Amino acid sequence: MVSRTRLKALLTGLALYTMAGLMVGYFGVNAYTGKYGLNARQELDQEIIALTSELARLKRERAQGEQRVSLLRSDRVDPDMLDERARFQLDYVNPRDLVRTVTPR
């Protein structure tokens, strides 16, 4: 009788420690690989860097576009820009221009 009680107490303690160890292991693995874990944070940091560089590129493109549009404003028109846009829209070429045709592949 005494050995069974002692064995039962030993197995109960072992089961409790095993369950506690499994829970700590589960939360530890989740902290590393989970949705908000260390790996996810590194991936988010890389995505932030990529999106920041894309934002800078888009801001440069927008500034260039705004600069080109400002050249076409009615209060101060740049003659070269007006000439370029008129030729492009009307498909006209100056006789002194060099025309290069590109065939699609």
PDB file of N, CA and C in Angstrom:
ATOM      1  N   MET A   1       0.794  -1.182   0.000  1.00  0.00           N
ATOM      2  CA  MET A   1       0.000   0.000   0.000  1.00  0.00           C
ATOM      3  C   MET A   1       0.847   1.261   0.000  1.00  0.00           C
ATOM      4  N   VAL A   2       1.898   1.231   0.799  1.00  0.00           N
ATOM      5  CA  VAL A   2       2.740   2.408   0.912  1.00  0.00           C
ATOM      6  C   VAL A   2       3.442   2.667  -0.416  1.00  0.00           C
ATOM      7  N   SER A   3       3.866   1.636  -1.115  1.00  0.00           N
ATOM      8  CA  SER A   3       4.575   1.812  -2.387  1.00  0.00           C
ATOM      9  C   SER A   3       3.646   2.378  -3.462  1.00  0.00           C
ATOM     10  N   ARG A   4       2.394   1.965  -3.453  1.00  0.00           N
ATOM     11  CA  ARG A   4       1.446   2.522  -4.439  1.00  0.00           C
ATOM     12  C   ARG A   4       1.190   3.995  -4.184  1.00  0.00           C
ATOM     13  N   THR A   5       1.047   4.392  -2.971  1.00  0.00           N
ATOM     14  CA  THR A   5       0.825   5.786  -2.630  1.00  0.00           C
ATOM     15  C   THR A   5       2.046   6.613  -3.012  1.00  0.00           C
ATOM     16  N   ARG A   6       3.217   6.071  -2.736  1.00  0.00           N
ATOM     17  CA  ARG A   6       4.440   6.770  -3.082  1.00  0.00           C
ATOM     18  C   ARG A   6       4.598   6.864  -4.601  1.00  0.00           C
ATOM     19  N   LEU A   7       4.281   5.796  -5.318  1.00  0.00           N
ATOM     20  CA  LEU A   7       4.358   5.785  -6.788  1.00  0.00           C
ATOM     21  C   LEU A   7       3.348   6.764  -7.375  1.00  0.00           C
ATOM     22  N   LYS A   8       2.141   6.807  -6.811  1.00  0.00           N
ATOM     23  CA  LYS A   8       1.111   7.732  -7.277  1.00  0.00           C
ATOM     24  C   LYS A   8       1.555   9.174  -7.054  1.00  0.00           C
ATOM     25  N   ALA A   9       2.142   9.490  -5.928  1.00  0.00           N
ATOM     26  CA  ALA A   9       2.629  10.842  -5.650  1.00  0.00           C
ATOM     27  C   ALA A   9       3.765  11.201  -6.608  1.00  0.00           C
ATOM     28  N   LEU A  10       4.646  10.254  -6.863  1.00  0.00           N
ATOM     29  CA  LEU A  10       5.761  10.488  -7.780  1.00  0.00           C
ATOM     30  C   LEU A  10       5.250  10.728  -9.200  1.00  0.00           C
ATOM     31  N   LEU A  11       4.327   9.935  -9.663  1.00  0.00           N
ATOM     32  CA  LEU A  11       3.775  10.095 -11.019  1.00  0.00           C
ATOM     33  C   LEU A  11       2.963  11.385 -11.137  1.00  0.00           C
ATOM     34  N   THR A  12       2.241  11.760 -10.088  1.00  0.00           N
ATOM     35  CA  THR A  12       1.477  13.007 -10.103  1.00  0.00           C
ATOM     36  C   THR A  12       2.419  14.194 -10.210  1.00  0.00           C
ATOM     37  N   GLY A  13       3.473  14.205  -9.428  1.00  0.00           N
ATOM     38  CA  GLY A  13       4.465  15.285  -9.502  1.00  0.00           C
ATOM     39  C   GLY A  13       5.137  15.327 -10.869  1.00  0.00           C
ATOM     40  N   LEU A  14       5.490  14.157 -11.388  1.00  0.00           N
ATOM     41  CA  LEU A  14       6.115  14.080 -12.712  1.00  0.00           C
ATOM     42  C   LEU A  14       5.166  14.593 -13.792  1.00  0.00           C
ATOM     43  N   ALA A  15       3.893  14.262 -13.687  1.00  0.00           N
ATOM     44  CA  ALA A  15       2.905  14.726 -14.667  1.00  0.00           C
ATOM     45  C   ALA A  15       2.737  16.240 -14.592  1.00  0.00           C
ATOM     46  N   LEU A  16       2.716  16.779 -13.393  1.00  0.00           N
ATOM     47  CA  LEU A  16       2.581  18.233 -13.250  1.00  0.00           C
ATOM     48  C   LEU A  16       3.792  18.963 -13.819  1.00  0.00           C
ATOM     49  N   TYR A  17       4.985  18.477 -13.520  1.00  0.00           N
ATOM     50  CA  TYR A  17       6.197  19.101 -14.080  1.00  0.00           C
ATOM     51  C   TYR A  17       6.245  18.979 -15.605  1.00  0.00           C
ATOM     52  N   THR A  18       5.790  17.853 -16.112  1.00  0.00           N
ATOM     53  CA  THR A  18       5.758  17.654 -17.564  1.00  0.00           C
ATOM     54  C   THR A  18       4.774  18.634 -18.211  1.00  0.00           C
ATOM     55  N   MET A  19       3.612  18.785 -17.625  1.00  0.00           N
ATOM     56  CA  MET A  19       2.618  19.727 -18.164  1.00  0.00           C
ATOM     57  C   MET A  19       3.147  21.159 -18.103  1.00  0.00           C
ATOM     58  N   ALA A  20       3.781  21.525 -16.999  1.00  0.00           N
ATOM     59  CA  ALA A  20       4.337  22.874 -16.869  1.00  0.00           C
ATOM     60  C   ALA A  20       5.445  23.087 -17.909  1.00  0.00           C
ATOM     61  N   GLY A  21       6.288  22.085 -18.101  1.00  0.00           N
ATOM     62  CA  GLY A  21       7.355  22.175 -19.105  1.00  0.00           C
ATOM     63  C   GLY A  21       6.801  22.307 -20.518  1.00  0.00           C
ATOM     64  N   LEU A  22       5.752  21.562 -20.815  1.00  0.00           N
ATOM     65  CA  LEU A  22       5.123  21.652 -22.134  1.00  0.00           C
ATOM     66  C   LEU A  22       4.504  23.027 -22.355  1.00  0.00           C
ATOM     67  N   MET A  23       3.881  23.574 -21.325  1.00  0.00           N
ATOM     68  CA  MET A  23       3.280  24.904 -21.463  1.00  0.00           C
ATOM     69  C   MET A  23       4.358  25.970 -21.673  1.00  0.00           C
ATOM     70  N   VAL A  24       5.437  25.894 -20.910  1.00  0.00           N
ATOM     71  CA  VAL A  24       6.534  26.847 -21.084  1.00  0.00           C
ATOM     72  C   VAL A  24       7.129  26.694 -22.484  1.00  0.00           C
ATOM     73  N   GLY A  25       7.300  25.465 -22.937  1.00  0.00           N
ATOM     74  CA  GLY A  25       7.817  25.218 -24.285  1.00  0.00           C
ATOM     75  C   GLY A  25       6.895  25.770 -25.359  1.00  0.00           C
ATOM     76  N   TYR A  26       5.598  25.571 -25.189  1.00  0.00           N
ATOM     77  CA  TYR A  26       4.628  26.079 -26.164  1.00  0.00           C
ATOM     78  C   TYR A  26       4.700  27.603 -26.270  1.00  0.00           C
ATOM     79  N   PHE A  27       4.691  28.272 -25.123  1.00  0.00           N
ATOM     80  CA  PHE A  27       4.748  29.731 -25.146  1.00  0.00           C
ATOM     81  C   PHE A  27       6.101  30.242 -25.642  1.00  0.00           C
ATOM     82  N   GLY A  28       7.152  29.509 -25.352  1.00  0.00           N
ATOM     83  CA  GLY A  28       8.477  29.889 -25.847  1.00  0.00           C
ATOM     84  C   GLY A  28       8.560  29.797 -27.359  1.00  0.00           C
ATOM     85  N   VAL A  29       8.060  28.711 -27.926  1.00  0.00           N
ATOM     86  CA  VAL A  29       8.057  28.552 -29.388  1.00  0.00           C
ATOM     87  C   VAL A  29       7.165  29.603 -30.022  1.00  0.00           C
ATOM     88  N   ASN A  30       6.030  29.878 -29.413  1.00  0.00           N
ATOM     89  CA  ASN A  30       5.119  30.899 -29.934  1.00  0.00           C
ATOM     90  C   ASN A  30       5.748  32.285 -29.890  1.00  0.00           C
ATOM     91  N   ALA A  31       6.522  32.562 -28.848  1.00  0.00           N
ATOM     92  CA  ALA A  31       7.170  33.864 -28.742  1.00  0.00           C
ATOM     93  C   ALA A  31       8.211  34.045 -29.841  1.00  0.00           C
ATOM     94  N   TYR A  32       8.768  32.970 -30.338  1.00  0.00           N
ATOM     95  CA  TYR A  32       9.789  33.058 -31.377  1.00  0.00           C
ATOM     96  C   TYR A  32       9.180  33.030 -32.778  1.00  0.00           C
ATOM     97  N   THR A  33       8.229  32.129 -33.014  1.00  0.00           N
ATOM     98  CA  THR A  33       7.716  31.941 -34.375  1.00  0.00           C
ATOM     99  C   THR A  33       6.272  32.372 -34.572  1.00  0.00           C
ATOM    100  N   GLY A  34       5.628  32.871 -33.560  1.00  0.00           N
ATOM    101  CA  GLY A  34       4.212  33.221 -33.657  1.00  0.00           C
ATOM    102  C   GLY A  34       3.958  34.454 -34.509  1.00  0.00           C
ATOM    103  N   LYS A  35       2.693  34.832 -34.582  1.00  0.00           N
ATOM    104  CA  LYS A  35       2.266  35.969 -35.396  1.00  0.00           C
ATOM    105  C   LYS A  35       2.935  37.266 -34.951  1.00  0.00           C
ATOM    106  N   TYR A  36       3.169  37.433 -33.676  1.00  0.00           N
ATOM    107  CA  TYR A  36       3.815  38.625 -33.134  1.00  0.00           C
ATOM    108  C   TYR A  36       5.182  38.290 -32.530  1.00  0.00           C
ATOM    109  N   GLY A  37       5.783  37.199 -32.970  1.00  0.00           N
ATOM    110  CA  GLY A  37       7.057  36.763 -32.412  1.00  0.00           C
ATOM    111  C   GLY A  37       8.248  37.504 -32.989  1.00  0.00           C
ATOM    112  N   LEU A  38       9.430  37.008 -32.640  1.00  0.00           N
ATOM    113  CA  LEU A  38      10.673  37.649 -33.064  1.00  0.00           C
ATOM    114  C   LEU A  38      10.861  37.578 -34.577  1.00  0.00           C
ATOM    115  N   ASN A  39      10.548  36.437 -35.184  1.00  0.00           N
ATOM    116  CA  ASN A  39      10.672  36.310 -36.647  1.00  0.00           C
ATOM    117  C   ASN A  39       9.719  37.255 -37.357  1.00  0.00           C
ATOM    118  N   ALA A  40       8.512  37.365 -36.865  1.00  0.00           N
ATOM    119  CA  ALA A  40       7.534  38.254 -37.493  1.00  0.00           C
ATOM    120  C   ALA A  40       7.996  39.699 -37.383  1.00  0.00           C
ATOM    121  N   ARG A  41       8.626  40.057 -36.285  1.00  0.00           N
ATOM    122  CA  ARG A  41       9.121  41.430 -36.112  1.00  0.00           C
ATOM    123  C   ARG A  41      10.216  41.739 -37.128  1.00  0.00           C
ATOM    124  N   GLN A  42      11.102  40.782 -37.371  1.00  0.00           N
ATOM    125  CA  GLN A  42      12.157  40.976 -38.366  1.00  0.00           C
ATOM    126  C   GLN A  42      11.552  41.129 -39.764  1.00  0.00           C
ATOM    127  N   GLU A  43      10.552  40.322 -40.087  1.00  0.00           N
ATOM    128  CA  GLU A  43       9.893  40.432 -41.387  1.00  0.00           C
ATOM    129  C   GLU A  43       9.189  41.777 -41.529  1.00  0.00           C
ATOM    130  N   LEU A  44       8.555  42.238 -40.454  1.00  0.00           N
ATOM    131  CA  LEU A  44       7.900  43.547 -40.488  1.00  0.00           C
ATOM    132  C   LEU A  44       8.925  44.670 -40.670  1.00  0.00           C
ATOM    133  N   ASP A  45      10.079  44.551 -40.032  1.00  0.00           N
ATOM    134  CA  ASP A  45      11.125  45.560 -40.199  1.00  0.00           C
ATOM    135  C   ASP A  45      11.614  45.606 -41.644  1.00  0.00           C
ATOM    136  N   GLN A  46      11.777  44.445 -42.271  1.00  0.00           N
ATOM    137  CA  GLN A  46      12.197  44.398 -43.677  1.00  0.00           C
ATOM    138  C   GLN A  46      11.129  45.000 -44.574  1.00  0.00           C
ATOM    139  N   GLU A  47       9.880  44.713 -44.290  1.00  0.00           N
ATOM    140  CA  GLU A  47       8.790  45.279 -45.080  1.00  0.00           C
ATOM    141  C   GLU A  47       8.716  46.794 -44.907  1.00  0.00           C
ATOM    142  N   ILE A  48       8.969  47.276 -43.698  1.00  0.00           N
ATOM    143  CA  ILE A  48       8.979  48.719 -43.460  1.00  0.00           C
ATOM    144  C   ILE A  48      10.073  49.384 -44.274  1.00  0.00           C
ATOM    145  N   ILE A  49      11.250  48.778 -44.333  1.00  0.00           N
ATOM    146  CA  ILE A  49      12.360  49.327 -45.112  1.00  0.00           C
ATOM    147  C   ILE A  49      12.002  49.369 -46.591  1.00  0.00           C
ATOM    148  N   ALA A  50      11.419  48.280 -47.103  1.00  0.00           N
ATOM    149  CA  ALA A  50      11.047  48.232 -48.523  1.00  0.00           C
ATOM    150  C   ALA A  50       9.978  49.275 -48.846  1.00  0.00           C
ATOM    151  N   LEU A  51       8.979  49.400 -47.991  1.00  0.00           N
ATOM    152  CA  LEU A  51       7.905  50.357 -48.249  1.00  0.00           C
ATOM    153  C   LEU A  51       8.388  51.800 -48.107  1.00  0.00           C
ATOM    154  N   THR A  52       9.334  52.034 -47.211  1.00  0.00           N
ATOM    155  CA  THR A  52       9.892  53.378 -47.059  1.00  0.00           C
ATOM    156  C   THR A  52      10.652  53.794 -48.305  1.00  0.00           C
ATOM    157  N   SER A  53      11.427  52.866 -48.870  1.00  0.00           N
ATOM    158  CA  SER A  53      12.162  53.194 -50.101  1.00  0.00           C
ATOM    159  C   SER A  53      11.198  53.397 -51.263  1.00  0.00           C
ATOM    160  N   GLU A  54      10.122  52.609 -51.319  1.00  0.00           N
ATOM    161  CA  GLU A  54       9.129  52.795 -52.374  1.00  0.00           C
ATOM    162  C   GLU A  54       8.419  54.143 -52.223  1.00  0.00           C
ATOM    163  N   LEU A  55       8.143  54.529 -50.987  1.00  0.00           N
ATOM    164  CA  LEU A  55       7.516  55.827 -50.739  1.00  0.00           C
ATOM    165  C   LEU A  55       8.424  56.962 -51.189  1.00  0.00           C
ATOM    166  N   ALA A  56       9.706  56.855 -50.908  1.00  0.00           N
ATOM    167  CA  ALA A  56      10.648  57.893 -51.339  1.00  0.00           C
ATOM    168  C   ALA A  56      10.688  57.983 -52.855  1.00  0.00           C
ATOM    169  N   ARG A  57      10.681  56.815 -53.530  1.00  0.00           N
ATOM    170  CA  ARG A  57      10.680  56.804 -54.998  1.00  0.00           C
ATOM    171  C   ARG A  57       9.413  57.452 -55.551  1.00  0.00           C
ATOM    172  N   LEU A  58       8.279  57.135 -54.967  1.00  0.00           N
ATOM    173  CA  LEU A  58       7.016  57.705 -55.431  1.00  0.00           C
ATOM    174  C   LEU A  58       6.942  59.204 -55.179  1.00  0.00           C
ATOM    175  N   LYS A  59       7.515  59.658 -54.063  1.00  0.00           N
ATOM    176  CA  LYS A  59       7.543  61.098 -53.796  1.00  0.00           C
ATOM    177  C   LYS A  59       8.397  61.821 -54.828  1.00  0.00           C
ATOM    178  N   ARG A  60       9.536  61.201 -55.217  1.00  0.00           N
ATOM    179  CA  ARG A  60      10.375  61.801 -56.258  1.00  0.00           C
ATOM    180  C   ARG A  60       9.626  61.871 -57.585  1.00  0.00           C
ATOM    181  N   GLU A  61       8.933  60.773 -57.933  1.00  0.00           N
ATOM    182  CA  GLU A  61       8.148  60.762 -59.175  1.00  0.00           C
ATOM    183  C   GLU A  61       7.071  61.846 -59.150  1.00  0.00           C
ATOM    184  N   ARG A  62       6.411  61.980 -58.029  1.00  0.00           N
ATOM    185  CA  ARG A  62       5.356  62.985 -57.920  1.00  0.00           C
ATOM    186  C   ARG A  62       5.935  64.392 -58.048  1.00  0.00           C
ATOM    187  N   ALA A  63       7.066  64.631 -57.405  1.00  0.00           N
ATOM    188  CA  ALA A  63       7.698  65.952 -57.499  1.00  0.00           C
ATOM    189  C   ALA A  63       8.089  66.260 -58.940  1.00  0.00           C
ATOM    190  N   GLN A  64       8.598  65.266 -59.652  1.00  0.00           N
ATOM    191  CA  GLN A  64       8.944  65.470 -61.061  1.00  0.00           C
ATOM    192  C   GLN A  64       7.697  65.761 -61.883  1.00  0.00           C
ATOM    193  N   GLY A  65       6.625  65.022 -61.623  1.00  0.00           N
ATOM    194  CA  GLY A  65       5.375  65.263 -62.343  1.00  0.00           C
ATOM    195  C   GLY A  65       4.812  66.643 -62.049  1.00  0.00           C
ATOM    196  N   GLU A  66       4.850  67.046 -60.786  1.00  0.00           N
ATOM    197  CA  GLU A  66       4.353  68.377 -60.432  1.00  0.00           C
ATOM    198  C   GLU A  66       5.206  69.465 -61.084  1.00  0.00           C
ATOM    199  N   GLN A  67       6.503  69.227 -61.185  1.00  0.00           N
ATOM    200  CA  GLN A  67       7.381  70.202 -61.822  1.00  0.00           C
ATOM    201  C   GLN A  67       7.041  70.324 -63.309  1.00  0.00           C
ATOM    202  N   ARG A  68       6.765  69.185 -63.963  1.00  0.00           N
ATOM    203  CA  ARG A  68       6.396  69.223 -65.390  1.00  0.00           C
ATOM    204  C   ARG A  68       5.047  69.918 -65.588  1.00  0.00           C
ATOM    205  N   VAL A  69       4.116  69.665 -64.676  1.00  0.00           N
ATOM    206  CA  VAL A  69       2.804  70.301 -64.780  1.00  0.00           C
ATOM    207  C   VAL A  69       2.928  71.808 -64.547  1.00  0.00           C
ATOM    208  N   SER A  70       3.796  72.193 -63.616  1.00  0.00           N
ATOM    209  CA  SER A  70       3.944  73.624 -63.345  1.00  0.00           C
ATOM    210  C   SER A  70       4.504  74.356 -64.568  1.00  0.00           C
ATOM    211  N   LEU A  71       5.246  73.649 -65.424  1.00  0.00           N
ATOM    212  CA  LEU A  71       5.763  74.275 -66.643  1.00  0.00           C
ATOM    213  C   LEU A  71       4.655  74.531 -67.658  1.00  0.00           C
ATOM    214  N   LEU A  72       3.535  73.839 -67.520  1.00  0.00           N
ATOM    215  CA  LEU A  72       2.424  73.987 -68.467  1.00  0.00           C
ATOM    216  C   LEU A  72       1.294  74.871 -67.926  1.00  0.00           C
ATOM    217  N   ARG A  73       1.474  75.489 -66.806  1.00  0.00           N
ATOM    218  CA  ARG A  73       0.428  76.351 -66.260  1.00  0.00           C
ATOM    219  C   ARG A  73       0.209  77.535 -67.195  1.00  0.00           C
ATOM    220  N   SER A  74      -1.027  78.031 -67.222  1.00  0.00           N
ATOM    221  CA  SER A  74      -1.390  79.077 -68.178  1.00  0.00           C
ATOM    222  C   SER A  74      -0.726  80.420 -67.882  1.00  0.00           C
ATOM    223  N   ASP A  75      -0.407  80.686 -66.615  1.00  0.00           N
ATOM    224  CA  ASP A  75       0.191  81.992 -66.299  1.00  0.00           C
ATOM    225  C   ASP A  75       1.660  82.085 -66.717  1.00  0.00           C
ATOM    226  N   ARG A  76       2.346  80.956 -66.819  1.00  0.00           N
ATOM    227  CA  ARG A  76       3.739  80.981 -67.282  1.00  0.00           C
ATOM    228  C   ARG A  76       4.042  79.668 -68.002  1.00  0.00           C
ATOM    229  N   VAL A  77       3.985  79.684 -69.290  1.00  0.00           N
ATOM    230  CA  VAL A  77       4.176  78.491 -70.102  1.00  0.00           C
ATOM    231  C   VAL A  77       5.623  78.442 -70.587  1.00  0.00           C
ATOM    232  N   ASP A  78       6.259  77.294 -70.400  1.00  0.00           N
ATOM    233  CA  ASP A  78       7.608  77.081 -70.906  1.00  0.00           C
ATOM    234  C   ASP A  78       7.494  76.725 -72.390  1.00  0.00           C
ATOM    235  N   PRO A  79       8.118  77.463 -73.279  1.00  0.00           N
ATOM    236  CA  PRO A  79       7.968  77.210 -74.714  1.00  0.00           C
ATOM    237  C   PRO A  79       8.441  75.822 -75.130  1.00  0.00           C
ATOM    238  N   ASP A  80       9.509  75.348 -74.554  1.00  0.00           N
ATOM    239  CA  ASP A  80       9.992  74.018 -74.927  1.00  0.00           C
ATOM    240  C   ASP A  80       9.003  72.930 -74.525  1.00  0.00           C
ATOM    241  N   MET A  81       8.437  73.062 -73.340  1.00  0.00           N
ATOM    242  CA  MET A  81       7.475  72.069 -72.882  1.00  0.00           C
ATOM    243  C   MET A  81       6.209  72.118 -73.734  1.00  0.00           C
ATOM    244  N   LEU A  82       5.763  73.307 -74.081  1.00  0.00           N
ATOM    245  CA  LEU A  82       4.581  73.444 -74.924  1.00  0.00           C
ATOM    246  C   LEU A  82       4.827  72.829 -76.294  1.00  0.00           C
ATOM    247  N   ASP A  83       6.000  73.074 -76.842  1.00  0.00           N
ATOM    248  CA  ASP A  83       6.357  72.509 -78.146  1.00  0.00           C
ATOM    249  C   ASP A  83       6.391  70.981 -78.073  1.00  0.00           C
ATOM    250  N   GLU A  84       6.985  70.452 -77.019  1.00  0.00           N
ATOM    251  CA  GLU A  84       7.065  69.004 -76.861  1.00  0.00           C
ATOM    252  C   GLU A  84       5.682  68.371 -76.767  1.00  0.00           C
ATOM    253  N   ARG A  85       4.803  68.931 -75.940  1.00  0.00           N
ATOM    254  CA  ARG A  85       3.462  68.363 -75.772  1.00  0.00           C
ATOM    255  C   ARG A  85       2.629  68.484 -77.049  1.00  0.00           C
ATOM    256  N   ALA A  86       2.762  69.626 -77.754  1.00  0.00           N
ATOM    257  CA  ALA A  86       1.998  69.796 -79.003  1.00  0.00           C
ATOM    258  C   ALA A  86       2.453  68.788 -80.040  1.00  0.00           C
ATOM    259  N   ARG A  87       3.736  68.597 -80.190  1.00  0.00           N
ATOM    260  CA  ARG A  87       4.242  67.604 -81.161  1.00  0.00           C
ATOM    261  C   ARG A  87       3.788  66.197 -80.798  1.00  0.00           C
ATOM    262  N   PHE A  88       3.820  65.885 -79.508  1.00  0.00           N
ATOM    263  CA  PHE A  88       3.429  64.548 -79.083  1.00  0.00           C
ATOM    264  C   PHE A  88       1.947  64.292 -79.365  1.00  0.00           C
ATOM    265  N   GLN A  89       1.101  65.263 -79.045  1.00  0.00           N
ATOM    266  CA  GLN A  89      -0.332  65.055 -79.208  1.00  0.00           C
ATOM    267  C   GLN A  89      -0.763  65.131 -80.675  1.00  0.00           C
ATOM    268  N   LEU A  90      -0.092  65.947 -81.476  1.00  0.00           N
ATOM    269  CA  LEU A  90      -0.482  66.103 -82.879  1.00  0.00           C
ATOM    270  C   LEU A  90       0.311  65.206 -83.823  1.00  0.00           C
ATOM    271  N   ASP A  91       1.279  64.505 -83.320  1.00  0.00           N
ATOM    272  CA  ASP A  91       2.154  63.650 -84.123  1.00  0.00           C
ATOM    273  C   ASP A  91       2.848  64.423 -85.230  1.00  0.00           C
ATOM    274  N   TYR A  92       3.345  65.597 -84.919  1.00  0.00           N
ATOM    275  CA  TYR A  92       4.102  66.413 -85.871  1.00  0.00           C
ATOM    276  C   TYR A  92       5.584  66.320 -85.550  1.00  0.00           C
ATOM    277  N   VAL A  93       6.383  66.512 -86.592  1.00  0.00           N
ATOM    278  CA  VAL A  93       7.827  66.470 -86.438  1.00  0.00           C
ATOM    279  C   VAL A  93       8.406  67.678 -87.134  1.00  0.00           C
ATOM    280  N   ASN A  94       9.378  68.285 -86.497  1.00  0.00           N
ATOM    281  CA  ASN A  94      10.101  69.391 -87.099  1.00  0.00           C
ATOM    282  C   ASN A  94      11.018  68.821 -88.187  1.00  0.00           C
ATOM    283  N   PRO A  95      11.153  69.486 -89.333  1.00  0.00           N
ATOM    284  CA  PRO A  95      12.019  68.956 -90.391  1.00  0.00           C
ATOM    285  C   PRO A  95      13.471  68.793 -89.939  1.00  0.00           C
ATOM    286  N   ARG A  96      13.897  69.515 -88.934  1.00  0.00           N
ATOM    287  CA  ARG A  96      15.278  69.395 -88.474  1.00  0.00           C
ATOM    288  C   ARG A  96      15.447  68.309 -87.407  1.00  0.00           C
ATOM    289  N   ASP A  97      14.370  67.636 -87.024  1.00  0.00           N
ATOM    290  CA  ASP A  97      14.465  66.596 -86.000  1.00  0.00           C
ATOM    291  C   ASP A  97      14.935  65.276 -86.602  1.00  0.00           C
ATOM    292  N   LEU A  98      15.625  64.527 -85.815  1.00  0.00           N
ATOM    293  CA  LEU A  98      16.046  63.194 -86.188  1.00  0.00           C
ATOM    294  C   LEU A  98      15.005  62.214 -85.636  1.00  0.00           C
ATOM    295  N   VAL A  99      14.364  61.463 -86.514  1.00  0.00           N
ATOM    296  CA  VAL A  99      13.291  60.550 -86.116  1.00  0.00           C
ATOM    297  C   VAL A  99      13.833  59.131 -86.113  1.00  0.00           C
ATOM    298  N   ARG A 100      13.583  58.442 -85.049  1.00  0.00           N
ATOM    299  CA  ARG A 100      14.020  57.057 -84.929  1.00  0.00           C
ATOM    300  C   ARG A 100      12.793  56.197 -84.673  1.00  0.00           C
ATOM    301  N   THR A 101      12.536  55.243 -85.523  1.00  0.00           N
ATOM    302  CA  THR A 101      11.374  54.362 -85.346  1.00  0.00           C
ATOM    303  C   THR A 101      11.839  53.075 -84.690  1.00  0.00           C
ATOM    304  N   VAL A 102      11.013  52.601 -83.807  1.00  0.00           N
ATOM    305  CA  VAL A 102      11.309  51.363 -83.082  1.00  0.00           C
ATOM    306  C   VAL A 102      10.219  50.377 -83.397  1.00  0.00           C
ATOM    307  N   THR A 103      10.601  49.203 -83.875  1.00  0.00           N
ATOM    308  CA  THR A 103       9.605  48.170 -84.186  1.00  0.00           C
ATOM    309  C   THR A 103       9.402  47.293 -82.957  1.00  0.00           C
ATOM    310  N   PRO A 104       8.163  47.006 -82.626  1.00  0.00           N
ATOM    311  CA  PRO A 104       7.914  46.142 -81.459  1.00  0.00           C
ATOM    312  C   PRO A 104       8.335  44.711 -81.755  1.00  0.00           C
ATOM    313  N   ARG A 105       8.786  44.018 -80.738  1.00  0.00           N
ATOM    314  CA  ARG A 105       9.250  42.621 -80.919  1.00  0.00           C
ATOM    315  C   ARG A 105       8.156  41.653 -80.726  1.00  0.00           C
TER     316      ARG A 105
END
